[in-house]
PDB file of N, CA and C in Angstrom:
ATOM      1  N   UNK A   1     -36.825 229.883 237.280  1.00  0.00           N
ATOM      2  CA  UNK A   1     -36.680 230.478 235.993  1.00  0.00           C
ATOM      3  C   UNK A   1     -36.839 231.984 236.122  1.00  0.00           C
ATOM      4  N   UNK A   2     -36.009 232.741 235.401  1.00  0.00           N
ATOM      5  CA  UNK A   2     -36.027 234.197 235.494  1.00  0.00           C
ATOM      6  C   UNK A   2     -37.100 234.768 234.573  1.00  0.00           C
ATOM      7  N   UNK A   3     -37.751 235.816 235.035  1.00  0.00           N
ATOM      8  CA  UNK A   3     -38.772 236.478 234.215  1.00  0.00           C
ATOM      9  C   UNK A   3     -38.233 237.758 233.579  1.00  0.00           C
ATOM     10  N   UNK A   4     -36.944 238.022 233.742  1.00  0.00           N
ATOM     11  CA  UNK A   4     -36.350 239.219 233.145  1.00  0.00           C
ATOM     12  C   UNK A   4     -36.291 239.076 231.637  1.00  0.00           C
ATOM     13  N   UNK A   5     -36.549 240.187 230.959  1.00  0.00           N
ATOM     14  CA  UNK A   5     -36.498 240.209 229.506  1.00  0.00           C
ATOM     15  C   UNK A   5     -35.042 240.372 229.071  1.00  0.00           C
ATOM     16  N   UNK A   6     -34.600 239.574 228.124  1.00  0.00           N
ATOM     17  CA  UNK A   6     -33.229 239.640 227.629  1.00  0.00           C
ATOM     18  C   UNK A   6     -33.135 240.639 226.499  1.00  0.00           C
ATOM     19  N   UNK A   7     -31.961 241.244 226.344  1.00  0.00           N
ATOM     20  CA  UNK A   7     -31.744 242.221 225.282  1.00  0.00           C
ATOM     21  C   UNK A   7     -31.835 241.556 223.921  1.00  0.00           C
ATOM     22  N   UNK A   8     -32.404 242.263 222.952  1.00  0.00           N
ATOM     23  CA  UNK A   8     -32.563 241.745 221.597  1.00  0.00           C
ATOM     24  C   UNK A   8     -31.565 242.461 220.693  1.00  0.00           C
ATOM     25  N   UNK A   9     -30.557 241.742 220.203  1.00  0.00           N
ATOM     26  CA  UNK A   9     -29.527 242.317 219.337  1.00  0.00           C
ATOM     27  C   UNK A   9     -29.701 241.890 217.882  1.00  0.00           C
ATOM     28  N   UNK A  10     -30.817 241.377 217.488  1.00  0.00           N
ATOM     29  CA  UNK A  10     -31.018 240.843 216.152  1.00  0.00           C
ATOM     30  C   UNK A  10     -30.960 241.912 215.061  1.00  0.00           C
ATOM     31  N   UNK A  11     -31.238 243.181 215.366  1.00  0.00           N
ATOM     32  CA  UNK A  11     -31.205 244.240 214.365  1.00  0.00           C
ATOM     33  C   UNK A  11     -29.880 245.007 214.358  1.00  0.00           C
ATOM     34  N   UNK A  12     -28.907 244.594 215.122  1.00  0.00           N
ATOM     35  CA  UNK A  12     -27.630 245.306 215.211  1.00  0.00           C
ATOM     36  C   UNK A  12     -26.768 244.941 214.013  1.00  0.00           C
ATOM     37  N   UNK A  13     -26.173 245.949 213.387  1.00  0.00           N
ATOM     38  CA  UNK A  13     -25.244 245.746 212.283  1.00  0.00           C
ATOM     39  C   UNK A  13     -23.979 246.532 212.588  1.00  0.00           C
ATOM     40  N   UNK A  14     -22.904 246.193 211.883  1.00  0.00           N
ATOM     41  CA  UNK A  14     -21.639 246.888 212.102  1.00  0.00           C
ATOM     42  C   UNK A  14     -20.923 247.047 210.783  1.00  0.00           C
ATOM     43  N   UNK A  15     -20.128 248.110 210.691  1.00  0.00           N
ATOM     44  CA  UNK A  15     -19.332 248.359 209.494  1.00  0.00           C
ATOM     45  C   UNK A  15     -17.973 248.851 209.982  1.00  0.00           C
ATOM     46  N   UNK A  16     -16.901 248.323 209.381  1.00  0.00           N
ATOM     47  CA  UNK A  16     -15.554 248.716 209.770  1.00  0.00           C
ATOM     48  C   UNK A  16     -14.897 249.386 208.580  1.00  0.00           C
ATOM     49  N   UNK A  17     -14.470 250.614 208.757  1.00  0.00           N
ATOM     50  CA  UNK A  17     -13.732 251.330 207.728  1.00  0.00           C
ATOM     51  C   UNK A  17     -12.270 251.349 208.137  1.00  0.00           C
ATOM     52  N   UNK A  18     -11.384 251.227 207.167  1.00  0.00           N
ATOM     53  CA  UNK A  18      -9.957 251.240 207.452  1.00  0.00           C
ATOM     54  C   UNK A  18      -9.279 252.259 206.566  1.00  0.00           C
ATOM     55  N   UNK A  19      -8.277 252.911 207.108  1.00  0.00           N
ATOM     56  CA  UNK A  19      -7.492 253.859 206.314  1.00  0.00           C
ATOM     57  C   UNK A  19      -6.232 253.184 205.781  1.00  0.00           C
ATOM     58  N   UNK A  20      -6.053 251.923 206.120  1.00  0.00           N
ATOM     59  CA  UNK A  20      -4.878 251.197 205.645  1.00  0.00           C
ATOM     60  C   UNK A  20      -5.006 250.941 204.149  1.00  0.00           C
ATOM     61  N   UNK A  21      -3.911 251.159 203.404  1.00  0.00           N
ATOM     62  CA  UNK A  21      -3.980 250.920 201.962  1.00  0.00           C
ATOM     63  C   UNK A  21      -4.118 249.425 201.662  1.00  0.00           C
ATOM     64  N   UNK A  22      -4.780 249.131 200.579  1.00  0.00           N
ATOM     65  CA  UNK A  22      -4.927 247.746 200.145  1.00  0.00           C
ATOM     66  C   UNK A  22      -3.620 247.338 199.467  1.00  0.00           C
ATOM     67  N   UNK A  23      -3.005 246.278 199.954  1.00  0.00           N
ATOM     68  CA  UNK A  23      -1.731 245.814 199.419  1.00  0.00           C
ATOM     69  C   UNK A  23      -1.982 244.521 198.661  1.00  0.00           C
ATOM     70  N   UNK A  24      -1.538 244.502 197.415  1.00  0.00           N
ATOM     71  CA  UNK A  24      -1.678 243.277 196.637  1.00  0.00           C
ATOM     72  C   UNK A  24      -0.619 242.280 197.070  1.00  0.00           C
ATOM     73  N   UNK A  25      -0.954 241.019 197.010  1.00  0.00           N
ATOM     74  CA  UNK A  25      -0.002 239.973 197.378  1.00  0.00           C
ATOM     75  C   UNK A  25       1.019 239.806 196.262  1.00  0.00           C
ATOM     76  N   UNK A  26       2.239 239.481 196.643  1.00  0.00           N
ATOM     77  CA  UNK A  26       3.298 239.267 195.660  1.00  0.00           C
ATOM     78  C   UNK A  26       2.987 238.044 194.808  1.00  0.00           C
ATOM     79  N   UNK A  27       3.323 238.134 193.532  1.00  0.00           N
ATOM     80  CA  UNK A  27       3.095 237.032 192.600  1.00  0.00           C
ATOM     81  C   UNK A  27       4.411 236.300 192.361  1.00  0.00           C
ATOM     82  N   UNK A  28       4.529 235.092 192.878  1.00  0.00           N
ATOM     83  CA  UNK A  28       5.742 234.306 192.722  1.00  0.00           C
ATOM     84  C   UNK A  28       5.561 233.183 191.701  1.00  0.00           C
ATOM     85  N   UNK A  29       4.548 233.273 190.864  1.00  0.00           N
ATOM     86  CA  UNK A  29       4.256 232.179 189.940  1.00  0.00           C
ATOM     87  C   UNK A  29       5.350 231.983 188.888  1.00  0.00           C
ATOM     88  N   UNK A  30       6.115 233.024 188.574  1.00  0.00           N
ATOM     89  CA  UNK A  30       7.173 232.898 187.569  1.00  0.00           C
ATOM     90  C   UNK A  30       8.556 232.651 188.171  1.00  0.00           C
ATOM     91  N   UNK A  31       8.641 232.471 189.468  1.00  0.00           N
ATOM     92  CA  UNK A  31       9.929 232.284 190.134  1.00  0.00           C
ATOM     93  C   UNK A  31      10.385 230.842 189.970  1.00  0.00           C
ATOM     94  N   UNK A  32      11.649 230.670 189.604  1.00  0.00           N
ATOM     95  CA  UNK A  32      12.232 229.338 189.497  1.00  0.00           C
ATOM     96  C   UNK A  32      13.547 229.329 190.260  1.00  0.00           C
ATOM     97  N   UNK A  33      14.011 228.162 190.622  1.00  0.00           N
ATOM     98  CA  UNK A  33      15.277 228.021 191.326  1.00  0.00           C
ATOM     99  C   UNK A  33      15.941 226.727 190.896  1.00  0.00           C
ATOM    100  N   UNK A  34      17.256 226.708 190.974  1.00  0.00           N
ATOM    101  CA  UNK A  34      18.003 225.490 190.683  1.00  0.00           C
ATOM    102  C   UNK A  34      18.978 225.232 191.820  1.00  0.00           C
ATOM    103  N   UNK A  35      19.295 223.970 192.021  1.00  0.00           N
ATOM    104  CA  UNK A  35      20.265 223.577 193.036  1.00  0.00           C
ATOM    105  C   UNK A  35      21.387 222.851 192.321  1.00  0.00           C
ATOM    106  N   UNK A  36      22.601 223.393 192.453  1.00  0.00           N
ATOM    107  CA  UNK A  36      23.748 222.784 191.801  1.00  0.00           C
ATOM    108  C   UNK A  36      24.360 221.673 192.641  1.00  0.00           C
ATOM    109  N   UNK A  37      24.154 221.730 193.956  1.00  0.00           N
ATOM    110  CA  UNK A  37      24.756 220.747 194.843  1.00  0.00           C
ATOM    111  C   UNK A  37      23.903 220.595 196.082  1.00  0.00           C
ATOM    112  N   UNK A  38      23.855 219.397 196.614  1.00  0.00           N
ATOM    113  CA  UNK A  38      23.158 219.192 197.878  1.00  0.00           C
ATOM    114  C   UNK A  38      24.143 219.163 199.037  1.00  0.00           C
ATOM    115  N   UNK A  39      25.425 219.335 198.741  1.00  0.00           N
ATOM    116  CA  UNK A  39      26.439 219.328 199.788  1.00  0.00           C
ATOM    117  C   UNK A  39      26.383 220.630 200.563  1.00  0.00           C
ATOM    118  N   UNK A  40      26.506 220.518 201.867  1.00  0.00           N
ATOM    119  CA  UNK A  40      26.495 221.698 202.709  1.00  0.00           C
ATOM    120  C   UNK A  40      27.878 222.333 202.694  1.00  0.00           C
ATOM    121  N   UNK A  41      27.923 223.630 202.463  1.00  0.00           N
ATOM    122  CA  UNK A  41      29.193 224.336 202.484  1.00  0.00           C
ATOM    123  C   UNK A  41      29.470 224.732 203.925  1.00  0.00           C
ATOM    124  N   UNK A  42      30.634 224.357 204.451  1.00  0.00           N
ATOM    125  CA  UNK A  42      30.962 224.647 205.835  1.00  0.00           C
ATOM    126  C   UNK A  42      31.691 225.968 205.913  1.00  0.00           C
ATOM    127  N   UNK A  43      32.930 226.024 205.513  1.00  0.00           N
ATOM    128  CA  UNK A  43      33.680 227.270 205.486  1.00  0.00           C
ATOM    129  C   UNK A  43      34.938 227.032 204.687  1.00  0.00           C
ATOM    130  N   UNK A  44      35.431 228.080 204.073  1.00  0.00           N
ATOM    131  CA  UNK A  44      36.658 227.967 203.314  1.00  0.00           C
ATOM    132  C   UNK A  44      36.575 226.936 202.208  1.00  0.00           C
ATOM    133  N   UNK A  45      35.409 226.720 201.632  1.00  0.00           N
ATOM    134  CA  UNK A  45      35.264 225.768 200.551  1.00  0.00           C
ATOM    135  C   UNK A  45      35.089 224.338 201.019  1.00  0.00           C
ATOM    136  N   UNK A  46      34.999 224.113 202.313  1.00  0.00           N
ATOM    137  CA  UNK A  46      34.811 222.752 202.814  1.00  0.00           C
ATOM    138  C   UNK A  46      33.362 222.325 202.626  1.00  0.00           C
ATOM    139  N   UNK A  47      33.179 221.038 202.415  1.00  0.00           N
ATOM    140  CA  UNK A  47      31.844 220.456 202.335  1.00  0.00           C
ATOM    141  C   UNK A  47      31.760 219.373 203.391  1.00  0.00           C
ATOM    142  N   UNK A  48      30.545 218.893 203.626  1.00  0.00           N
ATOM    143  CA  UNK A  48      30.389 217.774 204.551  1.00  0.00           C
ATOM    144  C   UNK A  48      29.990 216.528 203.763  1.00  0.00           C
ATOM    145  N   UNK A  49      30.222 215.391 204.379  1.00  0.00           N
ATOM    146  CA  UNK A  49      29.883 214.106 203.776  1.00  0.00           C
ATOM    147  C   UNK A  49      29.423 213.182 204.899  1.00  0.00           C
ATOM    148  N   UNK A  50      28.344 212.457 204.653  1.00  0.00           N
ATOM    149  CA  UNK A  50      27.856 211.484 205.626  1.00  0.00           C
ATOM    150  C   UNK A  50      28.379 210.113 205.222  1.00  0.00           C
ATOM    151  N   UNK A  51      29.109 209.492 206.125  1.00  0.00           N
ATOM    152  CA  UNK A  51      29.741 208.204 205.852  1.00  0.00           C
ATOM    153  C   UNK A  51      28.679 207.125 205.661  1.00  0.00           C
ATOM    154  N   UNK A  52      28.876 206.336 204.612  1.00  0.00           N
ATOM    155  CA  UNK A  52      27.972 205.243 204.265  1.00  0.00           C
ATOM    156  C   UNK A  52      28.622 203.903 204.626  1.00  0.00           C
ATOM    157  N   UNK A  53      27.821 202.865 204.718  1.00  0.00           N
ATOM    158  CA  UNK A  53      28.329 201.522 204.997  1.00  0.00           C
ATOM    159  C   UNK A  53      29.332 201.135 203.904  1.00  0.00           C
ATOM    160  N   UNK A  54      30.479 200.637 204.293  1.00  0.00           N
ATOM    161  CA  UNK A  54      31.510 200.212 203.351  1.00  0.00           C
ATOM    162  C   UNK A  54      32.515 201.305 202.993  1.00  0.00           C
ATOM    163  N   UNK A  55      32.296 202.533 203.453  1.00  0.00           N
ATOM    164  CA  UNK A  55      33.228 203.621 203.162  1.00  0.00           C
ATOM    165  C   UNK A  55      34.525 203.483 203.938  1.00  0.00           C
ATOM    166  N   UNK A  56      35.584 203.947 203.336  1.00  0.00           N
ATOM    167  CA  UNK A  56      36.865 204.140 204.012  1.00  0.00           C
ATOM    168  C   UNK A  56      37.304 205.556 203.651  1.00  0.00           C
ATOM    169  N   UNK A  57      38.215 206.110 204.414  1.00  0.00           N
ATOM    170  CA  UNK A  57      38.680 207.458 204.084  1.00  0.00           C
ATOM    171  C   UNK A  57      39.341 207.493 202.713  1.00  0.00           C
ATOM    172  N   UNK A  58      40.083 206.432 202.357  1.00  0.00           N
ATOM    173  CA  UNK A  58      40.721 206.420 201.038  1.00  0.00           C
ATOM    174  C   UNK A  58      39.688 206.289 199.916  1.00  0.00           C
ATOM    175  N   UNK A  59      38.609 205.550 200.131  1.00  0.00           N
ATOM    176  CA  UNK A  59      37.542 205.452 199.131  1.00  0.00           C
ATOM    177  C   UNK A  59      36.850 206.800 198.955  1.00  0.00           C
ATOM    178  N   UNK A  60      36.575 207.467 200.071  1.00  0.00           N
ATOM    179  CA  UNK A  60      35.943 208.784 200.017  1.00  0.00           C
ATOM    180  C   UNK A  60      36.865 209.767 199.281  1.00  0.00           C
ATOM    181  N   UNK A  61      38.167 209.717 199.594  1.00  0.00           N
ATOM    182  CA  UNK A  61      39.140 210.601 198.939  1.00  0.00           C
ATOM    183  C   UNK A  61      39.184 210.326 197.436  1.00  0.00           C
ATOM    184  N   UNK A  62      39.188 209.061 197.059  1.00  0.00           N
ATOM    185  CA  UNK A  62      39.219 208.695 195.641  1.00  0.00           C
ATOM    186  C   UNK A  62      37.962 209.208 194.924  1.00  0.00           C
ATOM    187  N   UNK A  63      36.799 209.032 195.566  1.00  0.00           N
ATOM    188  CA  UNK A  63      35.529 209.468 194.967  1.00  0.00           C
ATOM    189  C   UNK A  63      35.434 210.987 194.836  1.00  0.00           C
ATOM    190  N   UNK A  64      35.937 211.709 195.845  1.00  0.00           N
ATOM    191  CA  UNK A  64      35.761 213.163 195.866  1.00  0.00           C
ATOM    192  C   UNK A  64      36.931 213.950 195.279  1.00  0.00           C
ATOM    193  N   UNK A  65      38.123 213.407 195.385  1.00  0.00           N
ATOM    194  CA  UNK A  65      39.301 214.141 194.918  1.00  0.00           C
ATOM    195  C   UNK A  65      40.012 213.474 193.750  1.00  0.00           C
ATOM    196  N   UNK A  66      39.637 212.229 193.463  1.00  0.00           N
ATOM    197  CA  UNK A  66      40.274 211.522 192.365  1.00  0.00           C
ATOM    198  C   UNK A  66      41.565 210.826 192.745  1.00  0.00           C
ATOM    199  N   UNK A  67      41.920 210.889 194.037  1.00  0.00           N
ATOM    200  CA  UNK A  67      43.125 210.180 194.485  1.00  0.00           C
ATOM    201  C   UNK A  67      42.937 209.702 195.924  1.00  0.00           C
ATOM    202  N   UNK A  68      43.166 208.412 196.107  1.00  0.00           N
ATOM    203  CA  UNK A  68      42.974 207.797 197.418  1.00  0.00           C
ATOM    204  C   UNK A  68      43.938 208.341 198.468  1.00  0.00           C
ATOM    205  N   UNK A  69      45.103 208.805 198.027  1.00  0.00           N
ATOM    206  CA  UNK A  69      46.114 209.297 198.979  1.00  0.00           C
ATOM    207  C   UNK A  69      45.679 210.569 199.698  1.00  0.00           C
ATOM    208  N   UNK A  70      44.611 211.193 199.259  1.00  0.00           N
ATOM    209  CA  UNK A  70      44.119 212.408 199.919  1.00  0.00           C
ATOM    210  C   UNK A  70      43.377 212.094 201.220  1.00  0.00           C
ATOM    211  N   UNK A  71      43.333 210.816 201.620  1.00  0.00           N
ATOM    212  CA  UNK A  71      42.663 210.461 202.864  1.00  0.00           C
ATOM    213  C   UNK A  71      43.322 211.146 204.052  1.00  0.00           C
ATOM    214  N   UNK A  72      44.627 211.427 203.937  1.00  0.00           N
ATOM    215  CA  UNK A  72      45.345 212.098 205.035  1.00  0.00           C
ATOM    216  C   UNK A  72      44.740 213.482 205.310  1.00  0.00           C
ATOM    217  N   UNK A  73      44.412 214.223 204.246  1.00  0.00           N
ATOM    218  CA  UNK A  73      43.835 215.555 204.422  1.00  0.00           C
ATOM    219  C   UNK A  73      42.445 215.473 205.046  1.00  0.00           C
ATOM    220  N   UNK A  74      41.677 214.441 204.663  1.00  0.00           N
ATOM    221  CA  UNK A  74      40.352 214.260 205.269  1.00  0.00           C
ATOM    222  C   UNK A  74      40.509 213.956 206.753  1.00  0.00           C
ATOM    223  N   UNK A  75      41.433 213.057 207.073  1.00  0.00           N
ATOM    224  CA  UNK A  75      41.661 212.697 208.473  1.00  0.00           C
ATOM    225  C   UNK A  75      42.114 213.916 209.274  1.00  0.00           C
ATOM    226  N   UNK A  76      43.058 214.689 208.742  1.00  0.00           N
ATOM    227  CA  UNK A  76      43.554 215.877 209.448  1.00  0.00           C
ATOM    228  C   UNK A  76      42.443 216.899 209.692  1.00  0.00           C
ATOM    229  N   UNK A  77      41.536 217.043 208.741  1.00  0.00           N
ATOM    230  CA  UNK A  77      40.442 218.007 208.881  1.00  0.00           C
ATOM    231  C   UNK A  77      39.375 217.549 209.873  1.00  0.00           C
ATOM    232  N   UNK A  78      39.414 216.260 210.247  1.00  0.00           N
ATOM    233  CA  UNK A  78      38.369 215.699 211.110  1.00  0.00           C
ATOM    234  C   UNK A  78      38.913 215.086 212.395  1.00  0.00           C
ATOM    235  N   UNK A  79      40.078 215.516 212.830  1.00  0.00           N
ATOM    236  CA  UNK A  79      40.661 214.943 214.051  1.00  0.00           C
ATOM    237  C   UNK A  79      39.783 215.172 215.276  1.00  0.00           C
ATOM    238  N   UNK A  80      38.892 216.149 215.195  1.00  0.00           N
ATOM    239  CA  UNK A  80      37.974 216.387 216.316  1.00  0.00           C
ATOM    240  C   UNK A  80      36.861 215.346 216.390  1.00  0.00           C
ATOM    241  N   UNK A  81      36.607 214.631 215.292  1.00  0.00           N
ATOM    242  CA  UNK A  81      35.541 213.619 215.287  1.00  0.00           C
ATOM    243  C   UNK A  81      36.036 212.211 214.976  1.00  0.00           C
ATOM    244  N   UNK A  82      37.207 212.093 214.373  1.00  0.00           N
ATOM    245  CA  UNK A  82      37.757 210.771 214.028  1.00  0.00           C
ATOM    246  C   UNK A  82      39.052 210.567 214.806  1.00  0.00           C
ATOM    247  N   UNK A  83      39.046 209.571 215.697  1.00  0.00           N
ATOM    248  CA  UNK A  83      40.246 209.265 216.478  1.00  0.00           C
ATOM    249  C   UNK A  83      41.187 208.338 215.731  1.00  0.00           C
ATOM    250  N   UNK A  84      40.613 207.387 214.996  1.00  0.00           N
ATOM    251  CA  UNK A  84      41.386 206.378 214.278  1.00  0.00           C
ATOM    252  C   UNK A  84      40.881 206.337 212.836  1.00  0.00           C
ATOM    253  N   UNK A  85      41.740 206.606 211.845  1.00  0.00           N
ATOM    254  CA  UNK A  85      41.275 206.645 210.459  1.00  0.00           C
ATOM    255  C   UNK A  85      40.724 205.314 209.957  1.00  0.00           C
ATOM    256  N   UNK A  86      41.006 204.227 210.645  1.00  0.00           N
ATOM    257  CA  UNK A  86      40.485 202.926 210.257  1.00  0.00           C
ATOM    258  C   UNK A  86      39.140 202.621 210.922  1.00  0.00           C
ATOM    259  N   UNK A  87      38.665 203.550 211.766  1.00  0.00           N
ATOM    260  CA  UNK A  87      37.406 203.325 212.480  1.00  0.00           C
ATOM    261  C   UNK A  87      36.457 204.496 212.241  1.00  0.00           C
ATOM    262  N   UNK A  88      35.774 204.448 211.115  1.00  0.00           N
ATOM    263  CA  UNK A  88      34.728 205.421 210.820  1.00  0.00           C
ATOM    264  C   UNK A  88      33.415 204.653 210.743  1.00  0.00           C
ATOM    265  N   UNK A  89      32.320 205.343 210.982  1.00  0.00           N
ATOM    266  CA  UNK A  89      31.047 204.658 211.126  1.00  0.00           C
ATOM    267  C   UNK A  89      29.962 205.271 210.242  1.00  0.00           C
ATOM    268  N   UNK A  90      29.082 204.437 209.674  1.00  0.00           N
ATOM    269  CA  UNK A  90      27.966 204.961 208.891  1.00  0.00           C
ATOM    270  C   UNK A  90      27.158 205.967 209.716  1.00  0.00           C
ATOM    271  N   UNK A  91      26.808 207.073 209.077  1.00  0.00           N
ATOM    272  CA  UNK A  91      26.049 208.126 209.761  1.00  0.00           C
ATOM    273  C   UNK A  91      26.914 209.258 210.278  1.00  0.00           C
ATOM    274  N   UNK A  92      28.211 208.998 210.423  1.00  0.00           N
ATOM    275  CA  UNK A  92      29.128 210.054 210.863  1.00  0.00           C
ATOM    276  C   UNK A  92      29.190 211.124 209.774  1.00  0.00           C
ATOM    277  N   UNK A  93      29.151 212.382 210.182  1.00  0.00           N
ATOM    278  CA  UNK A  93      29.269 213.484 209.227  1.00  0.00           C
ATOM    279  C   UNK A  93      30.676 214.057 209.369  1.00  0.00           C
ATOM    280  N   UNK A  94      31.392 214.081 208.250  1.00  0.00           N
ATOM    281  CA  UNK A  94      32.768 214.580 208.262  1.00  0.00           C
ATOM    282  C   UNK A  94      32.906 215.755 207.302  1.00  0.00           C
ATOM    283  N   UNK A  95      33.957 216.519 207.513  1.00  0.00           N
ATOM    284  CA  UNK A  95      34.261 217.637 206.623  1.00  0.00           C
ATOM    285  C   UNK A  95      35.146 217.139 205.488  1.00  0.00           C
ATOM    286  N   UNK A  96      34.885 217.637 204.291  1.00  0.00           N
ATOM    287  CA  UNK A  96      35.741 217.368 203.146  1.00  0.00           C
ATOM    288  C   UNK A  96      36.442 218.686 202.817  1.00  0.00           C
ATOM    289  N   UNK A  97      37.702 218.808 203.223  1.00  0.00           N
ATOM    290  CA  UNK A  97      38.393 220.082 203.017  1.00  0.00           C
ATOM    291  C   UNK A  97      38.732 220.323 201.551  1.00  0.00           C
ATOM    292  N   UNK A  98      38.936 221.586 201.231  1.00  0.00           N
ATOM    293  CA  UNK A  98      39.430 221.925 199.902  1.00  0.00           C
ATOM    294  C   UNK A  98      40.892 221.537 199.856  1.00  0.00           C
ATOM    295  N   UNK A  99      41.291 220.889 198.776  1.00  0.00           N
ATOM    296  CA  UNK A  99      42.694 220.507 198.645  1.00  0.00           C
ATOM    297  C   UNK A  99      43.441 221.639 197.938  1.00  0.00           C
ATOM    298  N   UNK A 100      44.694 221.851 198.336  1.00  0.00           N
ATOM    299  CA  UNK A 100      45.473 222.883 197.636  1.00  0.00           C
ATOM    300  C   UNK A 100      45.677 222.483 196.181  1.00  0.00           C
ATOM    301  N   UNK A 101      45.686 223.466 195.331  1.00  0.00           N
ATOM    302  CA  UNK A 101      45.896 223.194 193.893  1.00  0.00           C
ATOM    303  C   UNK A 101      47.339 222.776 193.670  1.00  0.00           C
ATOM    304  N   UNK A 102      47.495 221.740 192.835  1.00  0.00           N
ATOM    305  CA  UNK A 102      48.832 221.259 192.532  1.00  0.00           C
ATOM    306  C   UNK A 102      49.343 221.990 191.290  1.00  0.00           C
ATOM    307  N   UNK A 103      50.650 222.234 191.251  1.00  0.00           N
ATOM    308  CA  UNK A 103      51.248 222.925 190.101  1.00  0.00           C
ATOM    309  C   UNK A 103      51.345 222.044 188.898  1.00  0.00           C
TER     310      UNK A 103
END
């Protein structure tokens, strides 16, 4: 056992002064937000859609564009992910292109 006396720091105090200005925190209590759509915007007005069980391209076209015949445009926009328009799978994410306006 050591007989050396240990330093006594019990009376030591410290004070820190700062020249930094006190900044108040921002108040966001009155901030509100709304979401008009949960669809992700891709580019050029395109949206994405996740294929559900029982979906077909013509059903998706009918639901989103009001006409089943628009399945061709969906297929053309997704040739990089859909090889056969009759073989789509739940969970697949496809692009829903903007359709040209009809006269």
